[in-house]
């Protein structure tokens, strides 16, 4: 008997940022359809994909998507895949609830390739010279940029170097928007801007 399809989210690292690794969302949706993913959708231009698959392991999906993007689109980047249940848990276990409510634009979830070592996360937190706050839960880092992201010295490059795993950030508004798509109507509700 065939496994039931589940909803997944894929977050692409460093695409369509200041002209770096440009890729059309339509091309990514076409790629998903061509490799057998159901109901492919994209949200915003920063590389947020939603699809349904009978696969059960997110790391298998990550490898497949990275391989196919390189082959079909000449796009070499990391894909971080989370199930709809995992994304719901990411929202519900947010350690910065007051900040998420009062200032969601300055709260970022960094979706990481692997779970960061707790000692390395502690060292990262201890190295912060500004008012930023960092908490790790599973393969995510929650980062609150009290004074804004643009001028912060706590960049993705610094974070990745300190924790030893690549990641891609999405602000809290985007995370909620994506999670809300599953609550209203799994995948079929598209809010894409492309």
Protein backbone atom coordinates (compact mmCIF):
# COMPACT_ATOMS: atom_id res chain seq x y z
CA UNK A 1 0.00 0.00 0.00
CA UNK A 2 1.31 3.44 -0.95
CA UNK A 3 2.22 5.82 1.88
CA UNK A 4 -0.15 8.75 2.35
CA UNK A 5 1.22 12.05 1.13
CA UNK A 6 2.24 14.59 3.75
CA UNK A 7 2.75 18.33 3.43
CA UNK A 8 6.34 19.57 3.52
CA UNK A 9 8.04 22.95 3.45
CA UNK A 10 11.42 23.52 1.84
CA UNK A 11 13.47 26.60 2.72
CA UNK A 12 16.23 27.42 0.25
CA UNK A 13 19.42 29.02 1.46
CA UNK A 14 20.71 32.24 -0.09
CA UNK A 15 18.62 32.52 -3.25
CA UNK A 16 17.36 35.74 -4.83
CA UNK A 17 19.22 37.85 -2.26
CA UNK A 18 20.84 40.96 -3.74
CA UNK A 19 21.21 39.23 -7.09
CA UNK A 20 22.86 36.15 -5.56
CA UNK A 21 21.77 32.80 -7.00
CA UNK A 22 18.73 34.07 -8.88
CA UNK A 23 16.06 31.47 -9.49
CA UNK A 24 12.47 31.79 -10.64
CA UNK A 25 9.88 30.35 -8.30
CA UNK A 26 8.02 29.01 -11.36
CA UNK A 27 11.12 26.96 -12.24
CA UNK A 28 11.27 25.53 -8.73
CA UNK A 29 7.58 24.60 -8.83
CA UNK A 30 8.09 22.94 -12.21
CA UNK A 31 11.04 21.01 -10.84
CA UNK A 32 8.97 19.76 -7.90
CA UNK A 33 6.22 18.59 -10.24
CA UNK A 34 8.72 16.92 -12.58
CA UNK A 35 10.21 14.83 -9.75
CA UNK A 36 6.82 13.66 -8.53
CA UNK A 37 5.94 16.10 -5.75
CA UNK A 38 2.24 16.89 -5.53
CA UNK A 39 0.65 20.35 -5.38
CA UNK A 40 3.90 22.38 -5.54
CA UNK A 41 3.55 25.98 -4.37
CA UNK A 42 5.91 28.85 -3.64
CA UNK A 43 5.51 31.74 -1.24
CA UNK A 44 7.47 34.97 -1.71
CA UNK A 45 10.70 35.18 -3.72
CA UNK A 46 13.09 34.13 -0.94
CA UNK A 47 12.80 30.40 -1.63
CA UNK A 48 9.87 29.00 0.34
CA UNK A 49 8.31 25.91 -1.22
CA UNK A 50 5.34 23.81 -0.16
CA UNK A 51 4.52 20.42 -1.60
CA UNK A 52 3.09 17.03 -0.77
CA UNK A 53 5.10 13.82 -0.83
CA UNK A 54 4.79 10.26 0.44
CA UNK A 55 8.44 10.40 1.59
CA UNK A 56 8.85 10.05 5.34
CA UNK A 57 12.39 11.35 5.92
CA UNK A 58 13.13 15.04 5.54
CA UNK A 59 16.85 14.44 5.05
CA UNK A 60 16.06 12.19 2.06
CA UNK A 61 13.93 14.97 0.60
CA UNK A 62 16.69 17.52 1.19
CA UNK A 63 19.22 15.38 -0.68
CA UNK A 64 16.81 14.78 -3.55
CA UNK A 65 15.89 18.46 -3.92
CA UNK A 66 19.52 19.61 -3.77
CA UNK A 67 20.56 17.05 -6.37
CA UNK A 68 17.68 17.87 -8.74
CA UNK A 69 18.09 21.65 -8.38
CA UNK A 70 21.77 21.35 -9.28
CA UNK A 71 21.01 19.08 -12.25
CA UNK A 72 17.92 20.78 -13.64
CA UNK A 73 18.43 24.44 -12.69
CA UNK A 74 22.21 24.71 -12.13
CA UNK A 75 21.29 25.85 -8.62
CA UNK A 76 23.68 24.73 -5.91
CA UNK A 77 22.23 25.54 -2.52
CA UNK A 78 21.04 23.93 0.68
CA UNK A 79 17.40 22.94 1.12
CA UNK A 80 16.05 22.70 4.67
CA UNK A 81 12.88 20.60 4.71
CA UNK A 82 10.33 20.48 7.52
CA UNK A 83 7.02 18.64 7.70
CA UNK A 84 3.81 20.56 8.41
CA UNK A 85 3.79 19.04 11.91
CA UNK A 86 7.37 20.18 12.48
CA UNK A 87 6.54 23.71 11.33
CA UNK A 88 3.53 23.79 13.67
CA UNK A 89 5.81 22.72 16.55
CA UNK A 90 8.34 25.43 15.60
CA UNK A 91 5.56 28.00 15.99
CA UNK A 92 4.14 26.55 19.22
CA UNK A 93 7.51 26.20 20.99
CA UNK A 94 8.77 29.70 20.16
CA UNK A 95 10.83 30.80 23.19
CA UNK A 96 10.32 34.49 22.38
CA UNK A 97 6.54 34.80 22.61
CA UNK A 98 6.40 38.37 23.98
CA UNK A 99 8.83 39.55 21.29
CA UNK A 100 6.90 37.69 18.59
CA UNK A 101 3.76 39.51 19.62
CA UNK A 102 5.23 43.00 20.02
CA UNK A 103 7.92 42.99 17.30
CA UNK A 104 7.55 40.01 14.92
CA UNK A 105 9.63 41.63 12.18
CA UNK A 106 12.76 41.40 14.36
CA UNK A 107 12.30 37.74 15.26
CA UNK A 108 13.99 35.27 12.92
CA UNK A 109 13.88 31.48 12.78
CA UNK A 110 17.08 30.03 11.36
CA UNK A 111 16.27 26.64 9.79
CA UNK A 112 19.49 24.64 10.08
CA UNK A 113 20.78 21.64 8.21
CA UNK A 114 21.59 19.82 11.44
CA UNK A 115 20.95 20.31 15.13
CA UNK A 116 23.58 22.63 16.55
CA UNK A 117 25.69 21.43 19.43
CA UNK A 118 24.44 23.01 22.69
CA UNK A 119 27.93 24.05 23.73
CA UNK A 120 28.46 25.85 20.43
CA UNK A 121 25.12 27.63 20.75
CA UNK A 122 26.08 28.73 24.28
CA UNK A 123 29.38 30.03 22.95
CA UNK A 124 27.52 31.90 20.20
CA UNK A 125 25.18 33.49 22.74
CA UNK A 126 28.12 34.46 24.98
CA UNK A 127 29.90 36.13 22.04
CA UNK A 128 27.03 38.50 21.24
CA UNK A 129 28.00 42.11 21.90
CA UNK A 130 24.63 43.70 21.10
CA UNK A 131 21.12 43.12 22.47
CA UNK A 132 20.38 40.11 20.26
CA UNK A 133 19.08 36.96 21.94
CA UNK A 134 19.48 33.40 20.65
CA UNK A 135 17.77 30.13 21.64
CA UNK A 136 18.09 26.73 20.00
CA UNK A 137 15.34 24.11 19.70
CA UNK A 138 15.94 21.06 17.56
CA UNK A 139 17.28 22.06 14.14
CA UNK A 140 16.17 25.67 14.58
CA UNK A 141 17.67 28.77 16.11
CA UNK A 142 15.34 31.53 17.21
CA UNK A 143 17.04 34.91 17.08
CA UNK A 144 15.56 38.17 18.31
CA UNK A 145 17.25 41.26 16.90
CA UNK A 146 16.14 43.92 19.40
CA UNK A 147 17.82 46.74 17.46
CA UNK A 148 17.05 45.44 13.97
CA UNK A 149 18.72 43.00 11.63
CA UNK A 150 20.33 45.35 9.12
CA UNK A 151 23.06 46.74 11.36
CA UNK A 152 23.55 43.72 13.57
CA UNK A 153 26.92 42.03 13.68
CA UNK A 154 25.13 38.73 14.27
CA UNK A 155 24.95 37.76 10.60
CA UNK A 156 24.13 34.35 9.13
CA UNK A 157 27.81 33.90 8.25
CA UNK A 158 28.84 34.51 11.87
CA UNK A 159 26.12 32.19 13.19
CA UNK A 160 26.97 29.37 10.79
CA UNK A 161 30.66 29.61 11.60
CA UNK A 162 29.96 29.48 15.34
CA UNK A 163 27.41 26.64 15.29
CA UNK A 164 29.01 24.60 12.51
CA UNK A 165 25.97 24.01 10.31
CA UNK A 166 24.41 25.97 7.44
CA UNK A 167 21.04 27.59 7.89
CA UNK A 168 18.57 29.95 6.31
CA UNK A 169 16.54 32.54 8.15
CA UNK A 170 12.89 33.56 7.85
CA UNK A 171 11.28 36.30 9.86
CA UNK A 172 8.43 35.42 12.18
CA UNK A 173 5.76 36.93 9.93
CA UNK A 174 6.83 34.63 7.09
CA UNK A 175 6.93 31.59 9.39
CA UNK A 176 3.38 32.33 10.57
CA UNK A 177 2.19 32.88 7.01
CA UNK A 178 3.56 29.52 5.93
CA UNK A 179 2.21 27.67 8.97
CA UNK A 180 -1.18 29.29 8.38
CA UNK A 181 -1.41 27.81 4.91
CA UNK A 182 -1.68 24.34 6.41
CA UNK A 183 -4.25 25.40 8.96
CA UNK A 184 -6.61 26.87 6.39
CA UNK A 185 -6.24 24.37 3.58
CA UNK A 186 -3.19 22.15 3.19
CA UNK A 187 -1.15 23.46 0.26
CA UNK A 188 -4.11 24.34 -1.92
CA UNK A 189 -4.20 27.91 -0.62
CA UNK A 190 -1.39 29.70 -2.42
CA UNK A 191 -0.23 33.11 -1.35
CA UNK A 192 2.59 33.36 -3.80
CA UNK A 193 4.04 36.63 -4.95
CA UNK A 194 5.85 35.89 -8.18
